[in-house]
């Protein structure tokens, strides 16, 4: 997507006059090799997967800037990891793994995300695309337990734990 700008204009929507030097410098700090640009970001790729909500697919920041991300990253500053699954019709976020599935009734192949590896140093992720961040850990110390007891004991969307996992419990 984007526009073929007429002479004298630039930006993804041709929204900036080249003569206006006020817009020539972009100040957003991009992550993971992203490149800062003025204007609105094309998020149509994420919208096709229903990932257009919240900050994940924001089109620009308060200064009308965004980062053009390298393959494998999305977000205003390229802060979210994303894997495009085989066939280009499915994505897994935050280190989730694409898994080929076969419907037992129809025999038709499909794709889904395994969120086991979807994590950062402080968060775990769940959801169809591993897009939903943990908001509370259900461990006795309230912290993520890396690859041990309580590894999958967490809540999302502001939910509260009904119980906690003690040390040594699965």
Protein backbone atom coordinates (compact mmCIF):
# COMPACT_ATOMS: atom_id res chain seq x y z
CA UNK A 1 0.00 0.00 0.00
CA UNK A 2 1.04 3.63 -0.15
CA UNK A 3 0.86 6.38 -2.71
CA UNK A 4 2.86 7.45 -5.75
CA UNK A 5 3.36 11.08 -4.72
CA UNK A 6 3.32 14.00 -7.13
CA UNK A 7 6.38 16.23 -7.30
CA UNK A 8 6.86 18.25 -4.12
CA UNK A 9 5.12 15.81 -1.73
CA UNK A 10 6.26 12.85 0.35
CA UNK A 11 4.99 10.45 3.02
CA UNK A 12 2.94 7.25 2.86
CA UNK A 13 -0.17 9.31 2.06
CA UNK A 14 1.67 12.18 0.29
CA UNK A 15 0.79 14.28 3.31
CA UNK A 16 4.04 16.27 3.59
CA UNK A 17 5.33 19.06 1.41
CA UNK A 18 9.00 18.54 0.61
CA UNK A 19 9.49 22.32 0.95
CA UNK A 20 8.36 22.25 4.58
CA UNK A 21 11.63 21.42 6.39
CA UNK A 22 9.75 21.14 9.71
CA UNK A 23 8.81 17.60 8.73
CA UNK A 24 12.22 16.49 7.47
CA UNK A 25 13.55 15.17 10.80
CA UNK A 26 11.99 12.14 12.44
CA UNK A 27 12.71 11.71 16.18
CA UNK A 28 11.07 8.39 17.07
CA UNK A 29 13.52 5.80 18.46
CA UNK A 30 12.98 2.66 16.41
CA UNK A 31 13.82 -0.80 17.74
CA UNK A 32 15.02 -3.95 15.99
CA UNK A 33 16.43 -2.17 12.93
CA UNK A 34 13.33 -0.08 12.15
CA UNK A 35 13.59 3.21 10.23
CA UNK A 36 11.77 6.33 11.43
CA UNK A 37 9.32 8.01 9.05
CA UNK A 38 6.80 10.82 9.27
CA UNK A 39 3.16 10.07 8.50
CA UNK A 40 0.69 7.25 8.97
CA UNK A 41 1.82 3.62 8.99
CA UNK A 42 0.19 1.04 6.75
CA UNK A 43 -1.32 -1.56 9.11
CA UNK A 44 -3.51 -3.37 6.57
CA UNK A 45 -1.39 -6.53 6.93
CA UNK A 46 -2.23 -6.76 10.65
CA UNK A 47 -5.88 -5.86 10.08
CA UNK A 48 -6.36 -8.93 7.88
CA UNK A 49 -5.55 -11.07 10.95
CA UNK A 50 -7.70 -9.04 13.34
CA UNK A 51 -4.58 -7.66 15.06
CA UNK A 52 -5.50 -4.01 14.55
CA UNK A 53 -6.48 -3.26 18.13
CA UNK A 54 -4.67 -1.27 20.80
CA UNK A 55 -1.03 -0.26 20.31
CA UNK A 56 -0.10 -3.30 18.25
CA UNK A 57 -1.27 -1.72 15.02
CA UNK A 58 -1.25 1.98 15.82
CA UNK A 59 -0.68 4.07 12.72
CA UNK A 60 1.46 6.84 14.28
CA UNK A 61 2.59 8.38 17.57
CA UNK A 62 1.75 11.81 19.04
CA UNK A 63 4.22 13.49 16.63
CA UNK A 64 2.73 11.77 13.55
CA UNK A 65 5.75 9.45 13.28
CA UNK A 66 6.18 5.69 12.95
CA UNK A 67 8.91 3.16 12.25
CA UNK A 68 9.10 1.09 9.09
CA UNK A 69 9.91 -2.35 10.47
CA UNK A 70 12.10 -5.10 9.07
CA UNK A 71 10.51 -8.48 8.43
CA UNK A 72 9.57 -10.16 11.69
CA UNK A 73 8.64 -7.02 13.67
CA UNK A 74 5.57 -4.77 13.96
CA UNK A 75 4.39 -1.85 16.12
CA UNK A 76 4.98 1.90 16.13
CA UNK A 77 8.64 1.38 17.13
CA UNK A 78 8.97 -2.23 15.79
CA UNK A 79 8.76 -3.46 19.39
CA UNK A 80 6.65 -6.58 18.74
CA UNK A 81 8.07 -9.78 17.27
CA UNK A 82 5.94 -11.48 14.61
CA UNK A 83 6.41 -14.63 12.56
CA UNK A 84 4.49 -15.05 9.31
CA UNK A 85 3.53 -18.71 9.10
CA UNK A 86 3.88 -20.86 5.95
CA UNK A 87 1.27 -19.91 3.42
CA UNK A 88 1.32 -16.21 4.48
CA UNK A 89 -2.21 -16.49 5.93
CA UNK A 90 -1.41 -16.66 9.64
CA UNK A 91 0.98 -14.99 12.09
CA UNK A 92 2.31 -15.76 15.56
CA UNK A 93 3.46 -12.97 17.86
CA UNK A 94 6.13 -12.61 20.59
CA UNK A 95 8.07 -15.78 19.72
CA UNK A 96 5.04 -18.06 19.39
CA UNK A 97 5.64 -20.94 16.98
CA UNK A 98 3.60 -21.67 13.85
CA UNK A 99 2.29 -25.23 13.93
CA UNK A 100 0.70 -27.07 11.04
CA UNK A 101 -2.52 -28.80 12.12
CA UNK A 102 -4.78 -31.30 10.39
CA UNK A 103 -8.54 -31.33 10.99
CA UNK A 104 -9.43 -34.92 11.98
CA UNK A 105 -12.87 -34.71 10.36
CA UNK A 106 -11.98 -33.08 7.04
CA UNK A 107 -8.27 -33.88 6.72
CA UNK A 108 -7.69 -30.24 5.80
CA UNK A 109 -4.40 -28.69 6.91
CA UNK A 110 -4.34 -25.45 8.88
CA UNK A 111 -2.06 -23.37 11.06
CA UNK A 112 -2.21 -22.32 14.70
CA UNK A 113 0.18 -20.78 17.21
CA UNK A 114 1.87 -22.62 20.05
CA UNK A 115 2.43 -19.90 22.68
CA UNK A 116 4.83 -21.98 24.83
CA UNK A 117 7.82 -19.90 23.71
CA UNK A 118 5.92 -16.59 23.48
CA UNK A 119 7.51 -14.50 26.22
CA UNK A 120 9.70 -11.59 27.16
CA UNK A 121 11.78 -11.23 30.31
CA UNK A 122 8.71 -9.95 32.19
CA UNK A 123 5.71 -11.29 30.27
CA UNK A 124 4.03 -14.39 28.88
CA UNK A 125 1.51 -14.37 26.05
CA UNK A 126 -1.69 -16.22 25.14
CA UNK A 127 -4.41 -15.91 22.52
CA UNK A 128 -5.00 -17.10 18.98
CA UNK A 129 -1.85 -15.32 17.75
CA UNK A 130 0.00 -15.18 21.12
CA UNK A 131 -0.92 -11.48 21.12
CA UNK A 132 -2.42 -11.14 24.63
CA UNK A 133 0.12 -10.09 27.30
CA UNK A 134 0.06 -11.51 30.84
CA UNK A 135 -1.14 -9.03 33.43
CA UNK A 136 -0.67 -11.13 36.59
CA UNK A 137 1.41 -14.20 37.49
CA UNK A 138 -0.20 -16.77 39.75
CA UNK A 139 2.94 -17.75 41.62
CA UNK A 140 3.59 -17.22 45.32
CA UNK A 141 5.99 -14.35 44.58
CA UNK A 142 3.91 -12.90 41.71
CA UNK A 143 6.80 -13.27 39.26
CA UNK A 144 7.24 -15.28 36.07
CA UNK A 145 8.99 -18.58 36.74
CA UNK A 146 11.17 -19.35 33.70
CA UNK A 147 10.54 -22.87 32.40
CA UNK A 148 9.64 -24.24 35.81
CA UNK A 149 6.68 -24.58 38.12
CA UNK A 150 4.14 -21.88 37.42
CA UNK A 151 5.47 -21.20 33.93
CA UNK A 152 1.92 -21.19 32.54
CA UNK A 153 0.27 -19.88 35.70
CA UNK A 154 -0.79 -16.40 34.60
CA UNK A 155 -3.84 -14.30 33.79
CA UNK A 156 -4.43 -11.78 30.99
CA UNK A 157 -6.67 -8.76 30.40
CA UNK A 158 -6.49 -7.60 34.03
CA UNK A 159 -7.95 -10.83 35.46
CA UNK A 160 -6.98 -11.89 38.99
CA UNK A 161 -5.57 -15.29 40.02
CA UNK A 162 -7.99 -17.57 41.87
CA UNK A 163 -5.07 -19.40 43.49
CA UNK A 164 -1.28 -19.46 43.36
CA UNK A 165 1.27 -22.07 42.40
CA UNK A 166 3.73 -22.81 45.19
CA UNK A 167 7.38 -23.70 44.63
CA UNK A 168 7.68 -27.29 43.46
CA UNK A 169 4.07 -27.45 42.16
CA UNK A 170 3.25 -27.91 38.50
